[in-house]
């Protein structure tokens, strides 16, 4: 999607973060990524092609880059036991 937008002359960027649950009683969130494009009337406008819609308050931005290679969630060399587990906990509140 980023390539298509850029080909059309629309500035676009890759956004990495978390996607919160649709229900308020479920505090579960997941690592997620989406696209933002520059629209003069809306400034940076978020689009989530995976979920086929616009970004909303559930999209929690952590990093922004030109593409995935600029901001992978994990980068580097791992030195340790073969068994590992990554867990996250994200707590958010609406803007006031």
PDB file of N, CA and C in Angstrom:
ATOM      1  N   UNK A   1       0.827  -1.188   0.000  1.00  0.00           N
ATOM      2  CA  UNK A   1       0.000   0.000   0.000  1.00  0.00           C
ATOM      3  C   UNK A   1       0.872   1.253   0.000  1.00  0.00           C
ATOM      4  N   UNK A   2       1.965   1.211   0.766  1.00  0.00           N
ATOM      5  CA  UNK A   2       2.866   2.365   0.800  1.00  0.00           C
ATOM      6  C   UNK A   2       3.420   2.647  -0.600  1.00  0.00           C
ATOM      7  N   UNK A   3       3.824   1.608  -1.299  1.00  0.00           N
ATOM      8  CA  UNK A   3       4.373   1.774  -2.653  1.00  0.00           C
ATOM      9  C   UNK A   3       3.346   2.376  -3.601  1.00  0.00           C
ATOM     10  N   UNK A   4       2.118   1.918  -3.521  1.00  0.00           N
ATOM     11  CA  UNK A   4       1.063   2.449  -4.391  1.00  0.00           C
ATOM     12  C   UNK A   4       0.822   3.927  -4.103  1.00  0.00           C
ATOM     13  N   UNK A   5       0.695   4.278  -2.820  1.00  0.00           N
ATOM     14  CA  UNK A   5       0.467   5.678  -2.456  1.00  0.00           C
ATOM     15  C   UNK A   5       1.614   6.561  -2.938  1.00  0.00           C
ATOM     16  N   UNK A   6       2.849   6.111  -2.723  1.00  0.00           N
ATOM     17  CA  UNK A   6       4.003   6.897  -3.159  1.00  0.00           C
ATOM     18  C   UNK A   6       4.043   7.026  -4.673  1.00  0.00           C
ATOM     19  N   UNK A   7       3.663   5.966  -5.378  1.00  0.00           N
ATOM     20  CA  UNK A   7       3.616   6.010  -6.834  1.00  0.00           C
ATOM     21  C   UNK A   7       2.595   7.035  -7.324  1.00  0.00           C
ATOM     22  N   UNK A   8       1.535   7.229  -6.584  1.00  0.00           N
ATOM     23  CA  UNK A   8       0.515   8.232  -6.902  1.00  0.00           C
ATOM     24  C   UNK A   8       0.925   9.641  -6.460  1.00  0.00           C
ATOM     25  N   UNK A   9       2.102   9.764  -5.840  1.00  0.00           N
ATOM     26  CA  UNK A   9       2.573  11.062  -5.377  1.00  0.00           C
ATOM     27  C   UNK A   9       2.080  11.446  -3.996  1.00  0.00           C
ATOM     28  N   UNK A  10       1.547  10.489  -3.248  1.00  0.00           N
ATOM     29  CA  UNK A  10       1.045  10.747  -1.896  1.00  0.00           C
ATOM     30  C   UNK A  10       2.094  10.269  -0.890  1.00  0.00           C
ATOM     31  N   UNK A  11       2.618  11.158  -0.041  1.00  0.00           N
ATOM     32  CA  UNK A  11       3.585  10.728   0.973  1.00  0.00           C
ATOM     33  C   UNK A  11       2.953   9.686   1.903  1.00  0.00           C
ATOM     34  N   UNK A  12       3.693   8.626   2.195  1.00  0.00           N
ATOM     35  CA  UNK A  12       3.169   7.560   3.050  1.00  0.00           C
ATOM     36  C   UNK A  12       4.272   7.045   3.956  1.00  0.00           C
ATOM     37  N   UNK A  13       3.873   6.535   5.137  1.00  0.00           N
ATOM     38  CA  UNK A  13       4.839   5.985   6.084  1.00  0.00           C
ATOM     39  C   UNK A  13       4.276   4.756   6.778  1.00  0.00           C
ATOM     40  N   UNK A  14       5.189   3.947   7.298  1.00  0.00           N
ATOM     41  CA  UNK A  14       4.871   2.697   7.986  1.00  0.00           C
ATOM     42  C   UNK A  14       4.791   2.991   9.482  1.00  0.00           C
ATOM     43  N   UNK A  15       3.750   2.509  10.136  1.00  0.00           N
ATOM     44  CA  UNK A  15       3.571   2.746  11.567  1.00  0.00           C
ATOM     45  C   UNK A  15       3.483   1.405  12.286  1.00  0.00           C
ATOM     46  N   UNK A  16       4.234   1.276  13.361  1.00  0.00           N
ATOM     47  CA  UNK A  16       4.226   0.065  14.173  1.00  0.00           C
ATOM     48  C   UNK A  16       3.689   0.412  15.554  1.00  0.00           C
ATOM     49  N   UNK A  17       2.919  -0.500  16.126  1.00  0.00           N
ATOM     50  CA  UNK A  17       2.367  -0.244  17.447  1.00  0.00           C
ATOM     51  C   UNK A  17       1.541  -1.404  17.942  1.00  0.00           C
ATOM     52  N   UNK A  18       0.457  -1.078  18.607  1.00  0.00           N
ATOM     53  CA  UNK A  18      -0.443  -2.078  19.167  1.00  0.00           C
ATOM     54  C   UNK A  18      -1.865  -1.800  18.719  1.00  0.00           C
ATOM     55  N   UNK A  19      -2.633  -2.864  18.597  1.00  0.00           N
ATOM     56  CA  UNK A  19      -4.053  -2.746  18.283  1.00  0.00           C
ATOM     57  C   UNK A  19      -4.833  -3.261  19.474  1.00  0.00           C
ATOM     58  N   UNK A  20      -5.587  -2.386  20.095  1.00  0.00           N
ATOM     59  CA  UNK A  20      -6.378  -2.770  21.258  1.00  0.00           C
ATOM     60  C   UNK A  20      -7.623  -3.547  20.873  1.00  0.00           C
ATOM     61  N   UNK A  21      -8.249  -4.130  21.860  1.00  0.00           N
ATOM     62  CA  UNK A  21      -9.456  -4.927  21.673  1.00  0.00           C
ATOM     63  C   UNK A  21     -10.641  -4.043  21.299  1.00  0.00           C
ATOM     64  N   UNK A  22     -11.610  -4.622  20.599  1.00  0.00           N
ATOM     65  CA  UNK A  22     -12.835  -3.884  20.248  1.00  0.00           C
ATOM     66  C   UNK A  22     -13.742  -3.685  21.455  1.00  0.00           C
ATOM     67  N   UNK A  23     -13.648  -4.587  22.430  1.00  0.00           N
ATOM     68  CA  UNK A  23     -14.494  -4.473  23.622  1.00  0.00           C
ATOM     69  C   UNK A  23     -13.691  -3.889  24.769  1.00  0.00           C
ATOM     70  N   UNK A  24     -14.333  -3.047  25.565  1.00  0.00           N
ATOM     71  CA  UNK A  24     -13.645  -2.388  26.671  1.00  0.00           C
ATOM     72  C   UNK A  24     -13.314  -3.337  27.812  1.00  0.00           C
ATOM     73  N   UNK A  25     -14.082  -4.414  27.971  1.00  0.00           N
ATOM     74  CA  UNK A  25     -13.843  -5.322  29.094  1.00  0.00           C
ATOM     75  C   UNK A  25     -12.699  -6.295  28.826  1.00  0.00           C
ATOM     76  N   UNK A  26     -12.234  -6.374  27.581  1.00  0.00           N
ATOM     77  CA  UNK A  26     -11.120  -7.255  27.244  1.00  0.00           C
ATOM     78  C   UNK A  26      -9.879  -6.401  27.070  1.00  0.00           C
ATOM     79  N   UNK A  27      -8.911  -6.501  27.988  1.00  0.00           N
ATOM     80  CA  UNK A  27      -7.710  -5.692  27.942  1.00  0.00           C
ATOM     81  C   UNK A  27      -6.647  -6.227  27.012  1.00  0.00           C
ATOM     82  N   UNK A  28      -6.975  -7.176  26.177  1.00  0.00           N
ATOM     83  CA  UNK A  28      -6.008  -7.804  25.293  1.00  0.00           C
ATOM     84  C   UNK A  28      -5.641  -6.876  24.131  1.00  0.00           C
ATOM     85  N   UNK A  29      -4.347  -6.814  23.816  1.00  0.00           N
ATOM     86  CA  UNK A  29      -3.887  -6.059  22.658  1.00  0.00           C
ATOM     87  C   UNK A  29      -2.851  -6.899  21.923  1.00  0.00           C
ATOM     88  N   UNK A  30      -2.554  -6.511  20.697  1.00  0.00           N
ATOM     89  CA  UNK A  30      -1.589  -7.271  19.913  1.00  0.00           C
ATOM     90  C   UNK A  30      -0.697  -6.320  19.137  1.00  0.00           C
ATOM     91  N   UNK A  31       0.527  -6.775  18.863  1.00  0.00           N
ATOM     92  CA  UNK A  31       1.437  -6.012  18.031  1.00  0.00           C
ATOM     93  C   UNK A  31       0.809  -5.888  16.646  1.00  0.00           C
ATOM     94  N   UNK A  32       0.933  -4.712  16.046  1.00  0.00           N
ATOM     95  CA  UNK A  32       0.244  -4.474  14.775  1.00  0.00           C
ATOM     96  C   UNK A  32       0.979  -3.380  14.002  1.00  0.00           C
ATOM     97  N   UNK A  33       0.724  -3.283  12.715  1.00  0.00           N
ATOM     98  CA  UNK A  33       1.293  -2.223  11.889  1.00  0.00           C
ATOM     99  C   UNK A  33       0.240  -1.740  10.897  1.00  0.00           C
ATOM    100  N   UNK A  34       0.366  -0.494  10.483  1.00  0.00           N
ATOM    101  CA  UNK A  34      -0.571   0.091   9.537  1.00  0.00           C
ATOM    102  C   UNK A  34       0.146   1.177   8.742  1.00  0.00           C
ATOM    103  N   UNK A  35      -0.566   1.855   7.875  1.00  0.00           N
ATOM    104  CA  UNK A  35       0.000   2.868   6.984  1.00  0.00           C
ATOM    105  C   UNK A  35      -0.612   4.220   7.321  1.00  0.00           C
ATOM    106  N   UNK A  36       0.200   5.254   7.257  1.00  0.00           N
ATOM    107  CA  UNK A  36      -0.324   6.615   7.334  1.00  0.00           C
ATOM    108  C   UNK A  36       0.064   7.338   6.058  1.00  0.00           C
ATOM    109  N   UNK A  37      -0.876   8.112   5.525  1.00  0.00           N
ATOM    110  CA  UNK A  37      -0.597   8.898   4.324  1.00  0.00           C
ATOM    111  C   UNK A  37      -0.907  10.367   4.631  1.00  0.00           C
ATOM    112  N   UNK A  38      -0.187  11.248   3.950  1.00  0.00           N
ATOM    113  CA  UNK A  38      -0.366  12.683   4.175  1.00  0.00           C
ATOM    114  C   UNK A  38      -1.471  13.206   3.277  1.00  0.00           C
ATOM    115  N   UNK A  39      -2.521  13.695   3.900  1.00  0.00           N
ATOM    116  CA  UNK A  39      -3.632  14.309   3.188  1.00  0.00           C
ATOM    117  C   UNK A  39      -3.710  15.755   3.678  1.00  0.00           C
ATOM    118  N   UNK A  40      -3.587  16.736   2.794  1.00  0.00           N
ATOM    119  CA  UNK A  40      -3.540  18.137   3.226  1.00  0.00           C
ATOM    120  C   UNK A  40      -4.679  18.548   4.163  1.00  0.00           C
ATOM    121  N   UNK A  41      -5.878  18.022   3.953  1.00  0.00           N
ATOM    122  CA  UNK A  41      -7.010  18.393   4.810  1.00  0.00           C
ATOM    123  C   UNK A  41      -7.021  17.652   6.138  1.00  0.00           C
ATOM    124  N   UNK A  42      -6.412  16.459   6.185  1.00  0.00           N
ATOM    125  CA  UNK A  42      -6.457  15.639   7.398  1.00  0.00           C
ATOM    126  C   UNK A  42      -5.087  15.414   8.012  1.00  0.00           C
ATOM    127  N   UNK A  43      -4.046  16.002   7.427  1.00  0.00           N
ATOM    128  CA  UNK A  43      -2.667  15.774   7.822  1.00  0.00           C
ATOM    129  C   UNK A  43      -2.338  14.281   7.699  1.00  0.00           C
ATOM    130  N   UNK A  44      -1.636  13.673   8.677  1.00  0.00           N
ATOM    131  CA  UNK A  44      -1.331  12.244   8.587  1.00  0.00           C
ATOM    132  C   UNK A  44      -2.592  11.459   8.915  1.00  0.00           C
ATOM    133  N   UNK A  45      -3.000  10.642   7.972  1.00  0.00           N
ATOM    134  CA  UNK A  45      -4.253   9.902   8.059  1.00  0.00           C
ATOM    135  C   UNK A  45      -3.942   8.410   8.088  1.00  0.00           C
ATOM    136  N   UNK A  46      -4.364   7.703   9.139  1.00  0.00           N
ATOM    137  CA  UNK A  46      -4.061   6.290   9.304  1.00  0.00           C
ATOM    138  C   UNK A  46      -5.047   5.369   8.612  1.00  0.00           C
ATOM    139  N   UNK A  47      -4.503   4.388   7.896  1.00  0.00           N
ATOM    140  CA  UNK A  47      -5.311   3.383   7.208  1.00  0.00           C
ATOM    141  C   UNK A  47      -4.782   2.010   7.603  1.00  0.00           C
ATOM    142  N   UNK A  48      -5.690   1.111   7.974  1.00  0.00           N
ATOM    143  CA  UNK A  48      -5.324  -0.246   8.379  1.00  0.00           C
ATOM    144  C   UNK A  48      -5.780  -1.222   7.304  1.00  0.00           C
ATOM    145  N   UNK A  49      -4.899  -1.561   6.342  1.00  0.00           N
ATOM    146  CA  UNK A  49      -5.322  -2.444   5.261  1.00  0.00           C
ATOM    147  C   UNK A  49      -5.638  -3.865   5.723  1.00  0.00           C
ATOM    148  N   UNK A  50      -5.052  -4.312   6.816  1.00  0.00           N
ATOM    149  CA  UNK A  50      -5.325  -5.668   7.321  1.00  0.00           C
ATOM    150  C   UNK A  50      -6.761  -5.777   7.808  1.00  0.00           C
ATOM    151  N   UNK A  51      -7.231  -4.741   8.501  1.00  0.00           N
ATOM    152  CA  UNK A  51      -8.591  -4.742   9.034  1.00  0.00           C
ATOM    153  C   UNK A  51      -9.566  -3.973   8.136  1.00  0.00           C
ATOM    154  N   UNK A  52      -9.108  -3.570   6.962  1.00  0.00           N
ATOM    155  CA  UNK A  52      -9.946  -2.939   5.948  1.00  0.00           C
ATOM    156  C   UNK A  52     -10.702  -1.718   6.472  1.00  0.00           C
ATOM    157  N   UNK A  53      -9.943  -0.757   7.026  1.00  0.00           N
ATOM    158  CA  UNK A  53     -10.603   0.444   7.527  1.00  0.00           C
ATOM    159  C   UNK A  53      -9.619   1.502   7.961  1.00  0.00           C
ATOM    160  N   UNK A  54     -10.164   2.588   8.476  1.00  0.00           N
ATOM    161  CA  UNK A  54      -9.348   3.680   8.994  1.00  0.00           C
ATOM    162  C   UNK A  54      -8.889   3.371  10.406  1.00  0.00           C
ATOM    163  N   UNK A  55      -7.800   3.982  10.816  1.00  0.00           N
ATOM    164  CA  UNK A  55      -7.306   3.805  12.180  1.00  0.00           C
ATOM    165  C   UNK A  55      -8.179   4.602  13.155  1.00  0.00           C
ATOM    166  N   UNK A  56      -8.283   4.083  14.360  1.00  0.00           N
ATOM    167  CA  UNK A  56      -9.078   4.753  15.388  1.00  0.00           C
ATOM    168  C   UNK A  56      -8.317   4.737  16.713  1.00  0.00           C
ATOM    169  N   UNK A  57      -9.015   4.981  17.804  1.00  0.00           N
ATOM    170  CA  UNK A  57      -8.360   5.073  19.114  1.00  0.00           C
ATOM    171  C   UNK A  57      -7.744   3.759  19.580  1.00  0.00           C
ATOM    172  N   UNK A  58      -8.098   2.647  18.950  1.00  0.00           N
ATOM    173  CA  UNK A  58      -7.493   1.359  19.318  1.00  0.00           C
ATOM    174  C   UNK A  58      -6.074   1.213  18.776  1.00  0.00           C
ATOM    175  N   UNK A  59      -5.703   1.992  17.780  1.00  0.00           N
ATOM    176  CA  UNK A  59      -4.372   1.942  17.172  1.00  0.00           C
ATOM    177  C   UNK A  59      -3.417   2.802  18.006  1.00  0.00           C
ATOM    178  N   UNK A  60      -2.511   2.146  18.703  1.00  0.00           N
ATOM    179  CA  UNK A  60      -1.577   2.838  19.589  1.00  0.00           C
ATOM    180  C   UNK A  60      -0.211   2.866  18.919  1.00  0.00           C
ATOM    181  N   UNK A  61       0.207   4.045  18.506  1.00  0.00           N
ATOM    182  CA  UNK A  61       1.449   4.221  17.760  1.00  0.00           C
ATOM    183  C   UNK A  61       2.664   4.135  18.674  1.00  0.00           C
ATOM    184  N   UNK A  62       3.659   3.344  18.256  1.00  0.00           N
ATOM    185  CA  UNK A  62       4.908   3.226  18.990  1.00  0.00           C
ATOM    186  C   UNK A  62       6.074   3.793  18.186  1.00  0.00           C
ATOM    187  N   UNK A  63       6.122   3.509  16.882  1.00  0.00           N
ATOM    188  CA  UNK A  63       7.233   3.972  16.049  1.00  0.00           C
ATOM    189  C   UNK A  63       6.747   4.235  14.624  1.00  0.00           C
ATOM    190  N   UNK A  64       7.459   5.130  13.927  1.00  0.00           N
ATOM    191  CA  UNK A  64       7.125   5.498  12.552  1.00  0.00           C
ATOM    192  C   UNK A  64       8.400   5.443  11.716  1.00  0.00           C
ATOM    193  N   UNK A  65       8.285   4.908  10.489  1.00  0.00           N
ATOM    194  CA  UNK A  65       9.440   4.850   9.602  1.00  0.00           C
ATOM    195  C   UNK A  65       9.013   4.812   8.153  1.00  0.00           C
ATOM    196  N   UNK A  66      10.018   4.746   7.268  1.00  0.00           N
ATOM    197  CA  UNK A  66       9.715   4.673   5.836  1.00  0.00           C
ATOM    198  C   UNK A  66       9.098   3.333   5.471  1.00  0.00           C
ATOM    199  N   UNK A  67       9.570   2.277   6.127  1.00  0.00           N
ATOM    200  CA  UNK A  67       9.061   0.931   5.896  1.00  0.00           C
ATOM    201  C   UNK A  67       9.441   0.064   7.102  1.00  0.00           C
ATOM    202  N   UNK A  68       9.144  -1.234   7.025  1.00  0.00           N
ATOM    203  CA  UNK A  68       9.396  -2.147   8.140  1.00  0.00           C
ATOM    204  C   UNK A  68      10.864  -2.140   8.569  1.00  0.00           C
ATOM    205  N   UNK A  69      11.781  -2.055   7.616  1.00  0.00           N
ATOM    206  CA  UNK A  69      13.206  -2.114   7.948  1.00  0.00           C
ATOM    207  C   UNK A  69      13.659  -0.972   8.847  1.00  0.00           C
ATOM    208  N   UNK A  70      12.951   0.146   8.842  1.00  0.00           N
ATOM    209  CA  UNK A  70      13.298   1.267   9.718  1.00  0.00           C
ATOM    210  C   UNK A  70      12.938   0.999  11.179  1.00  0.00           C
ATOM    211  N   UNK A  71      11.880   0.221  11.407  1.00  0.00           N
ATOM    212  CA  UNK A  71      11.364   0.098  12.784  1.00  0.00           C
ATOM    213  C   UNK A  71      10.882  -1.318  13.131  1.00  0.00           C
ATOM    214  N   UNK A  72      11.684  -2.352  12.904  1.00  0.00           N
ATOM    215  CA  UNK A  72      11.199  -3.681  13.300  1.00  0.00           C
ATOM    216  C   UNK A  72      11.047  -3.742  14.820  1.00  0.00           C
ATOM    217  N   UNK A  73      10.067  -4.497  15.316  1.00  0.00           N
ATOM    218  CA  UNK A  73       9.859  -4.551  16.767  1.00  0.00           C
ATOM    219  C   UNK A  73      11.030  -5.169  17.515  1.00  0.00           C
ATOM    220  N   UNK A  74      11.750  -6.066  16.860  1.00  0.00           N
ATOM    221  CA  UNK A  74      12.906  -6.709  17.486  1.00  0.00           C
ATOM    222  C   UNK A  74      14.038  -6.721  16.474  1.00  0.00           C
ATOM    223  N   UNK A  75      15.211  -6.253  16.870  1.00  0.00           N
ATOM    224  CA  UNK A  75      16.369  -6.247  15.985  1.00  0.00           C
ATOM    225  C   UNK A  75      17.605  -6.558  16.824  1.00  0.00           C
ATOM    226  N   UNK A  76      18.498  -7.283  16.254  1.00  0.00           N
ATOM    227  CA  UNK A  76      19.740  -7.554  16.952  1.00  0.00           C
ATOM    228  C   UNK A  76      20.056  -9.032  16.988  1.00  0.00           C
ATOM    229  N   UNK A  77      20.974  -9.384  17.860  1.00  0.00           N
ATOM    230  CA  UNK A  77      21.421 -10.762  18.009  1.00  0.00           C
ATOM    231  C   UNK A  77      20.953 -11.269  19.358  1.00  0.00           C
ATOM    232  N   UNK A  78      20.345 -12.446  19.355  1.00  0.00           N
ATOM    233  CA  UNK A  78      19.878 -13.060  20.593  1.00  0.00           C
ATOM    234  C   UNK A  78      20.907 -14.073  21.053  1.00  0.00           C
ATOM    235  N   UNK A  79      21.290 -13.989  22.294  1.00  0.00           N
ATOM    236  CA  UNK A  79      22.229 -14.937  22.874  1.00  0.00           C
ATOM    237  C   UNK A  79      21.630 -15.423  24.183  1.00  0.00           C
ATOM    238  N   UNK A  80      21.141 -16.657  24.179  1.00  0.00           N
ATOM    239  CA  UNK A  80      20.505 -17.185  25.385  1.00  0.00           C
ATOM    240  C   UNK A  80      19.947 -18.564  25.123  1.00  0.00           C
ATOM    241  N   UNK A  81      19.070 -18.995  25.997  1.00  0.00           N
ATOM    242  CA  UNK A  81      18.476 -20.318  25.834  1.00  0.00           C
ATOM    243  C   UNK A  81      17.496 -20.314  24.669  1.00  0.00           C
ATOM    244  N   UNK A  82      17.237 -21.489  24.129  1.00  0.00           N
ATOM    245  CA  UNK A  82      16.325 -21.607  23.001  1.00  0.00           C
ATOM    246  C   UNK A  82      14.890 -21.299  23.384  1.00  0.00           C
ATOM    247  N   UNK A  83      14.542 -21.527  24.622  1.00  0.00           N
ATOM    248  CA  UNK A  83      13.175 -21.276  25.055  1.00  0.00           C
ATOM    249  C   UNK A  83      13.066 -19.833  25.561  1.00  0.00           C
ATOM    250  N   UNK A  84      12.218 -19.054  24.902  1.00  0.00           N
ATOM    251  CA  UNK A  84      11.970 -17.686  25.333  1.00  0.00           C
ATOM    252  C   UNK A  84      10.523 -17.338  25.032  1.00  0.00           C
ATOM    253  N   UNK A  85      10.046 -16.319  25.685  1.00  0.00           N
ATOM    254  CA  UNK A  85       8.663 -15.902  25.504  1.00  0.00           C
ATOM    255  C   UNK A  85       8.587 -14.393  25.599  1.00  0.00           C
ATOM    256  N   UNK A  86       7.882 -13.791  24.654  1.00  0.00           N
ATOM    257  CA  UNK A  86       7.693 -12.351  24.650  1.00  0.00           C
ATOM    258  C   UNK A  86       6.257 -12.064  25.062  1.00  0.00           C
ATOM    259  N   UNK A  87       6.087 -11.265  26.084  1.00  0.00           N
ATOM    260  CA  UNK A  87       4.753 -10.857  26.506  1.00  0.00           C
ATOM    261  C   UNK A  87       4.703  -9.333  26.555  1.00  0.00           C
ATOM    262  N   UNK A  88       3.529  -8.801  26.316  1.00  0.00           N
ATOM    263  CA  UNK A  88       3.355  -7.353  26.373  1.00  0.00           C
ATOM    264  C   UNK A  88       2.143  -7.021  27.224  1.00  0.00           C
ATOM    265  N   UNK A  89       2.155  -5.831  27.748  1.00  0.00           N
ATOM    266  CA  UNK A  89       1.004  -5.322  28.477  1.00  0.00           C
ATOM    267  C   UNK A  89       0.897  -3.844  28.130  1.00  0.00           C
ATOM    268  N   UNK A  90      -0.202  -3.466  27.532  1.00  0.00           N
ATOM    269  CA  UNK A  90      -0.409  -2.082  27.123  1.00  0.00           C
ATOM    270  C   UNK A  90      -1.649  -1.549  27.816  1.00  0.00           C
ATOM    271  N   UNK A  91      -1.493  -0.430  28.461  1.00  0.00           N
ATOM    272  CA  UNK A  91      -2.630   0.211  29.129  1.00  0.00           C
ATOM    273  C   UNK A  91      -2.798   1.580  28.478  1.00  0.00           C
ATOM    274  N   UNK A  92      -3.992   1.889  28.038  1.00  0.00           N
ATOM    275  CA  UNK A  92      -4.216   3.169  27.389  1.00  0.00           C
ATOM    276  C   UNK A  92      -5.451   3.841  27.952  1.00  0.00           C
ATOM    277  N   UNK A  93      -5.536   5.121  27.688  1.00  0.00           N
ATOM    278  CA  UNK A  93      -6.721   5.870  28.082  1.00  0.00           C
ATOM    279  C   UNK A  93      -7.015   6.894  26.994  1.00  0.00           C
ATOM    280  N   UNK A  94      -8.261   7.267  26.839  1.00  0.00           N
ATOM    281  CA  UNK A  94      -8.615   8.219  25.774  1.00  0.00           C
ATOM    282  C   UNK A  94      -7.987   9.584  26.006  1.00  0.00           C
ATOM    283  N   UNK A  95      -7.750  10.312  24.921  1.00  0.00           N
ATOM    284  CA  UNK A  95      -7.250  11.684  25.029  1.00  0.00           C
ATOM    285  C   UNK A  95      -8.348  12.557  25.628  1.00  0.00           C
ATOM    286  N   UNK A  96      -7.936  13.469  26.454  1.00  0.00           N
ATOM    287  CA  UNK A  96      -8.911  14.376  27.081  1.00  0.00           C
ATOM    288  C   UNK A  96      -8.777  15.760  26.498  1.00  0.00           C
TER     289      UNK A  96
END
